[in-house]
Amino acid sequence: MTSPRVRIQTADFDPRAELDALRQGDRRVGAVVSFLGTVRDWHPDATGEVLSLELEHYPGMTERAIEAMVDQALARFDIYAAQVIHRVGLLQPLDPIVWVAVSSAHRGQAFQACEFLMDYLKTQAPFWKKETTPQGERWVDARVQDDAALQRWGIAASNA
């Protein structure tokens, strides 16, 4: 895969083009699993609709943290490649926000690695999220159930 494994960007992305880049003629690939997350117009802890979501990060630090988790996925699972794209800036409901894709010989390893990366991103990736609702703005924390999902991989998280 010649495109970067981790990209943090404000711009939208094309999932089909990203899938093609991930496979890039690798004849060993028998499975590609991907996850596309979009901005919802609600949040389980919110008291009204979400009008927008703004994400902030520390350039460099965020990429390094996610690169380290991609390295862990490559070490833990029998996969060939992995890619994470995460958007920052001001986003609206239905906007794509995160893309995780994994290639391998078989689907089982690809599904596990993709889920592993998403569980990490939900709790440990250094992003700060602010929702705007009709009642005002609020910062969004990782949820306790997201910590539990990460713990099944043997990674302790504390976002309570």
C-alpha atoms as a PDB file:
ATOM      1  CA  MET A   1       0.000   0.000   0.000  1.00  0.00           C
ATOM      2  CA  THR A   2       1.606   3.271  -1.066  1.00  0.00           C
ATOM      3  CA  SER A   3      -0.864   5.705   0.508  1.00  0.00           C
ATOM      4  CA  PRO A   4      -0.273   6.603   4.185  1.00  0.00           C
ATOM      5  CA  ARG A   5      -1.672   4.179   6.739  1.00  0.00           C
ATOM      6  CA  VAL A   6      -3.001   7.030   8.881  1.00  0.00           C
ATOM      7  CA  ARG A   7      -4.445  10.299   7.636  1.00  0.00           C
ATOM      8  CA  ILE A   8      -6.005  13.048   9.715  1.00  0.00           C
ATOM      9  CA  GLN A   9      -7.724  15.543   7.445  1.00  0.00           C
ATOM     10  CA  THR A  10     -10.522  18.053   7.072  1.00  0.00           C
ATOM     11  CA  ALA A  11     -11.361  16.952   3.517  1.00  0.00           C
ATOM     12  CA  ASP A  12     -13.891  14.269   2.631  1.00  0.00           C
ATOM     13  CA  PHE A  13     -12.639  10.989   1.150  1.00  0.00           C
ATOM     14  CA  ASP A  14     -13.817   8.429  -1.395  1.00  0.00           C
ATOM     15  CA  PRO A  15     -14.259   4.970   0.189  1.00  0.00           C
ATOM     16  CA  ARG A  16     -14.014   3.185  -3.180  1.00  0.00           C
ATOM     17  CA  ALA A  17     -10.737   4.889  -4.042  1.00  0.00           C
ATOM     18  CA  GLU A  18      -9.414   4.073  -0.568  1.00  0.00           C
ATOM     19  CA  LEU A  19     -10.353   0.390  -0.968  1.00  0.00           C
ATOM     20  CA  ASP A  20      -8.611   0.258  -4.331  1.00  0.00           C
ATOM     21  CA  ALA A  21      -5.480   1.836  -2.836  1.00  0.00           C
ATOM     22  CA  LEU A  22      -5.502  -0.620   0.078  1.00  0.00           C
ATOM     23  CA  ARG A  23      -5.634  -3.670  -2.216  1.00  0.00           C
ATOM     24  CA  GLN A  24      -3.409  -2.129  -4.902  1.00  0.00           C
ATOM     25  CA  GLY A  25      -2.886  -5.301  -6.914  1.00  0.00           C
ATOM     26  CA  ASP A  26      -1.968  -7.475  -3.920  1.00  0.00           C
ATOM     27  CA  ARG A  27      -3.036 -10.911  -5.166  1.00  0.00           C
ATOM     28  CA  ARG A  28      -2.763 -12.407  -1.664  1.00  0.00           C
ATOM     29  CA  VAL A  29      -5.814 -10.418  -0.537  1.00  0.00           C
ATOM     30  CA  GLY A  30      -8.889 -12.574  -0.114  1.00  0.00           C
ATOM     31  CA  ALA A  31     -10.741 -10.230   2.225  1.00  0.00           C
ATOM     32  CA  VAL A  32     -11.091  -6.520   2.790  1.00  0.00           C
ATOM     33  CA  VAL A  33     -13.134  -5.352   5.747  1.00  0.00           C
ATOM     34  CA  SER A  34     -13.954  -1.690   6.133  1.00  0.00           C
ATOM     35  CA  PHE A  35     -15.868   0.534   8.485  1.00  0.00           C
ATOM     36  CA  LEU A  36     -17.251   3.933   7.542  1.00  0.00           C
ATOM     37  CA  GLY A  37     -18.488   6.054  10.426  1.00  0.00           C
ATOM     38  CA  THR A  38     -20.716   9.062   9.850  1.00  0.00           C
ATOM     39  CA  VAL A  39     -21.834  11.954  12.044  1.00  0.00           C
ATOM     40  CA  ARG A  40     -25.211  11.263  13.668  1.00  0.00           C
ATOM     41  CA  ASP A  41     -27.857  13.883  14.307  1.00  0.00           C
ATOM     42  CA  TRP A  42     -28.180  12.665  17.900  1.00  0.00           C
ATOM     43  CA  HIS A  43     -26.012  11.391  20.741  1.00  0.00           C
ATOM     44  CA  PRO A  44     -27.124   8.875  23.381  1.00  0.00           C
ATOM     45  CA  ASP A  45     -26.220  11.315  26.167  1.00  0.00           C
ATOM     46  CA  ALA A  46     -27.525  14.470  24.473  1.00  0.00           C
ATOM     47  CA  THR A  47     -30.819  16.149  25.250  1.00  0.00           C
ATOM     48  CA  GLY A  48     -31.718  17.062  21.707  1.00  0.00           C
ATOM     49  CA  GLU A  49     -30.557  16.810  18.185  1.00  0.00           C
ATOM     50  CA  VAL A  50     -26.941  17.331  17.207  1.00  0.00           C
ATOM     51  CA  LEU A  51     -26.590  20.162  14.698  1.00  0.00           C
ATOM     52  CA  SER A  52     -22.849  19.761  14.160  1.00  0.00           C
ATOM     53  CA  LEU A  53     -19.753  18.059  15.523  1.00  0.00           C
ATOM     54  CA  GLU A  54     -16.344  19.695  15.716  1.00  0.00           C
ATOM     55  CA  LEU A  55     -13.194  17.632  16.200  1.00  0.00           C
ATOM     56  CA  GLU A  56      -9.831  18.917  17.334  1.00  0.00           C
ATOM     57  CA  HIS A  57      -6.469  17.138  17.623  1.00  0.00           C
ATOM     58  CA  TYR A  58      -2.766  17.757  18.107  1.00  0.00           C
ATOM     59  CA  PRO A  59      -1.109  17.278  14.694  1.00  0.00           C
ATOM     60  CA  GLY A  60       1.678  14.765  14.859  1.00  0.00           C
ATOM     61  CA  MET A  61       0.678  13.329  18.237  1.00  0.00           C
ATOM     62  CA  THR A  62      -2.616  11.968  16.924  1.00  0.00           C
ATOM     63  CA  GLU A  63      -1.004  10.349  13.884  1.00  0.00           C
ATOM     64  CA  ARG A  64       1.744   8.752  16.010  1.00  0.00           C
ATOM     65  CA  ALA A  65      -0.777   7.314  18.467  1.00  0.00           C
ATOM     66  CA  ILE A  66      -2.896   5.784  15.701  1.00  0.00           C
ATOM     67  CA  GLU A  67       0.194   4.526  13.814  1.00  0.00           C
ATOM     68  CA  ALA A  68       1.211   2.668  16.982  1.00  0.00           C
ATOM     69  CA  MET A  69      -2.205   1.007  17.117  1.00  0.00           C
ATOM     70  CA  VAL A  70      -1.971   0.024  13.428  1.00  0.00           C
ATOM     71  CA  ASP A  71       1.406  -1.558  14.276  1.00  0.00           C
ATOM     72  CA  GLN A  72      -0.307  -3.496  17.084  1.00  0.00           C
ATOM     73  CA  ALA A  73      -3.044  -4.669  14.710  1.00  0.00           C
ATOM     74  CA  LEU A  74      -0.422  -5.878  12.232  1.00  0.00           C
ATOM     75  CA  ALA A  75       1.354  -7.770  15.033  1.00  0.00           C
ATOM     76  CA  ARG A  76      -1.817  -9.270  16.577  1.00  0.00           C
ATOM     77  CA  PHE A  77      -3.686 -10.331  13.460  1.00  0.00           C
ATOM     78  CA  ASP A  78      -2.762 -12.069  10.229  1.00  0.00           C
ATOM     79  CA  ILE A  79      -3.412  -9.050   8.025  1.00  0.00           C
ATOM     80  CA  TYR A  80      -1.555  -7.486   5.116  1.00  0.00           C
ATOM     81  CA  ALA A  81      -2.454  -3.817   5.445  1.00  0.00           C
ATOM     82  CA  ALA A  82      -4.561  -1.403   7.455  1.00  0.00           C
ATOM     83  CA  GLN A  83      -5.653   2.164   6.907  1.00  0.00           C
ATOM     84  CA  VAL A  84      -7.271   4.755   9.168  1.00  0.00           C
ATOM     85  CA  ILE A  85      -8.641   8.078   7.954  1.00  0.00           C
ATOM     86  CA  HIS A  86     -10.156  10.400  10.530  1.00  0.00           C
ATOM     87  CA  ARG A  87     -11.614  13.791   9.763  1.00  0.00           C
ATOM     88  CA  VAL A  88     -11.268  16.851  11.966  1.00  0.00           C
ATOM     89  CA  GLY A  89     -12.849  20.268  11.853  1.00  0.00           C
ATOM     90  CA  LEU A  90     -16.521  21.148  11.638  1.00  0.00           C
ATOM     91  CA  LEU A  91     -18.746  18.305  10.405  1.00  0.00           C
ATOM     92  CA  GLN A  92     -22.485  18.003   9.822  1.00  0.00           C
ATOM     93  CA  PRO A  93     -24.827  15.023  10.315  1.00  0.00           C
ATOM     94  CA  LEU A  94     -24.276  12.365   7.612  1.00  0.00           C
ATOM     95  CA  ASP A  95     -20.717  13.582   6.891  1.00  0.00           C
ATOM     96  CA  PRO A  96     -18.167  10.742   6.825  1.00  0.00           C
ATOM     97  CA  ILE A  97     -15.969  11.053   9.902  1.00  0.00           C
ATOM     98  CA  VAL A  98     -13.862   7.879  10.126  1.00  0.00           C
ATOM     99  CA  TRP A  99     -12.677   5.141   7.785  1.00  0.00           C
ATOM    100  CA  VAL A 100     -10.921   1.956   8.854  1.00  0.00           C
ATOM    101  CA  ALA A 101     -10.016  -0.709   6.315  1.00  0.00           C
ATOM    102  CA  VAL A 102      -8.026  -3.915   6.682  1.00  0.00           C
ATOM    103  CA  SER A 103      -6.876  -6.478   4.117  1.00  0.00           C
ATOM    104  CA  SER A 104      -5.957 -10.111   4.746  1.00  0.00           C
ATOM    105  CA  ALA A 105      -6.153 -13.542   3.210  1.00  0.00           C
ATOM    106  CA  HIS A 106      -9.311 -14.427   5.169  1.00  0.00           C
ATOM    107  CA  ARG A 107     -12.268 -12.480   6.524  1.00  0.00           C
ATOM    108  CA  GLY A 108     -11.978 -13.533  10.182  1.00  0.00           C
ATOM    109  CA  GLN A 109      -8.652 -11.824  10.773  1.00  0.00           C
ATOM    110  CA  ALA A 110      -9.740  -8.764   8.805  1.00  0.00           C
ATOM    111  CA  PHE A 111     -12.966  -8.398  10.823  1.00  0.00           C
ATOM    112  CA  GLN A 112     -11.102  -8.733  14.118  1.00  0.00           C
ATOM    113  CA  ALA A 113      -8.391  -6.252  13.160  1.00  0.00           C
ATOM    114  CA  CYS A 114     -10.947  -3.718  11.933  1.00  0.00           C
ATOM    115  CA  GLU A 115     -12.944  -4.017  15.142  1.00  0.00           C
ATOM    116  CA  PHE A 116      -9.755  -3.777  17.225  1.00  0.00           C
ATOM    117  CA  LEU A 117      -8.801  -0.530  15.494  1.00  0.00           C
ATOM    118  CA  MET A 118     -12.284   0.956  15.897  1.00  0.00           C
ATOM    119  CA  ASP A 119     -12.397   0.049  19.590  1.00  0.00           C
ATOM    120  CA  TYR A 120      -9.082   1.869  20.032  1.00  0.00           C
ATOM    121  CA  LEU A 121     -10.193   4.919  18.068  1.00  0.00           C
ATOM    122  CA  LYS A 122     -13.398   5.270  20.113  1.00  0.00           C
ATOM    123  CA  THR A 123     -11.548   5.456  23.436  1.00  0.00           C
ATOM    124  CA  GLN A 124      -7.848   6.197  23.104  1.00  0.00           C
ATOM    125  CA  ALA A 125      -7.184   8.251  19.989  1.00  0.00           C
ATOM    126  CA  PRO A 126      -6.401  11.833  21.022  1.00  0.00           C
ATOM    127  CA  PHE A 127      -9.375  13.667  19.557  1.00  0.00           C
ATOM    128  CA  TRP A 128     -11.572  16.224  21.282  1.00  0.00           C
ATOM    129  CA  LYS A 129     -15.193  16.335  20.146  1.00  0.00           C
ATOM    130  CA  LYS A 130     -17.627  19.186  20.652  1.00  0.00           C
ATOM    131  CA  GLU A 131     -21.298  18.861  19.746  1.00  0.00           C
ATOM    132  CA  THR A 132     -23.561  21.768  18.960  1.00  0.00           C
ATOM    133  CA  THR A 133     -27.220  21.236  19.852  1.00  0.00           C
ATOM    134  CA  PRO A 134     -30.164  23.637  20.011  1.00  0.00           C
ATOM    135  CA  GLN A 135     -29.351  23.953  23.748  1.00  0.00           C
ATOM    136  CA  GLY A 136     -25.712  24.958  23.113  1.00  0.00           C
ATOM    137  CA  GLU A 137     -22.302  23.324  22.883  1.00  0.00           C
ATOM    138  CA  ARG A 138     -20.865  20.437  24.917  1.00  0.00           C
ATOM    139  CA  TRP A 139     -17.679  18.410  24.900  1.00  0.00           C
ATOM    140  CA  VAL A 140     -18.193  14.674  24.334  1.00  0.00           C
ATOM    141  CA  ASP A 141     -16.337  12.068  26.396  1.00  0.00           C
ATOM    142  CA  ALA A 142     -15.673   8.432  25.548  1.00  0.00           C
ATOM    143  CA  ARG A 143     -18.383   6.191  26.962  1.00  0.00           C
ATOM    144  CA  VAL A 144     -17.888   3.460  29.576  1.00  0.00           C
ATOM    145  CA  GLN A 145     -19.191   0.799  27.147  1.00  0.00           C
ATOM    146  CA  ASP A 146     -16.459   1.840  24.690  1.00  0.00           C
ATOM    147  CA  ASP A 147     -13.876   1.164  27.430  1.00  0.00           C
ATOM    148  CA  ALA A 148     -15.355  -2.315  27.935  1.00  0.00           C
ATOM    149  CA  ALA A 149     -15.029  -3.034  24.210  1.00  0.00           C
ATOM    150  CA  LEU A 150     -11.343  -2.100  24.306  1.00  0.00           C
ATOM    151  CA  GLN A 151     -10.682  -4.204  27.422  1.00  0.00           C
ATOM    152  CA  ARG A 152     -11.526  -7.412  25.567  1.00  0.00           C
ATOM    153  CA  TRP A 153      -8.315  -6.849  23.600  1.00  0.00           C
ATOM    154  CA  GLY A 154      -6.316  -6.631  26.838  1.00  0.00           C
ATOM    155  CA  ILE A 155      -6.019  -2.845  26.747  1.00  0.00           C
ATOM    156  CA  ALA A 156      -7.099  -0.989  29.868  1.00  0.00           C
ATOM    157  CA  ALA A 157      -8.989   2.240  29.384  1.00  0.00           C
ATOM    158  CA  SER A 158     -10.370   4.658  31.927  1.00  0.00           C
ATOM    159  CA  ASN A 159     -12.910   7.069  30.505  1.00  0.00           C
ATOM    160  CA  ALA A 160     -15.453   6.762  33.307  1.00  0.00           C
END
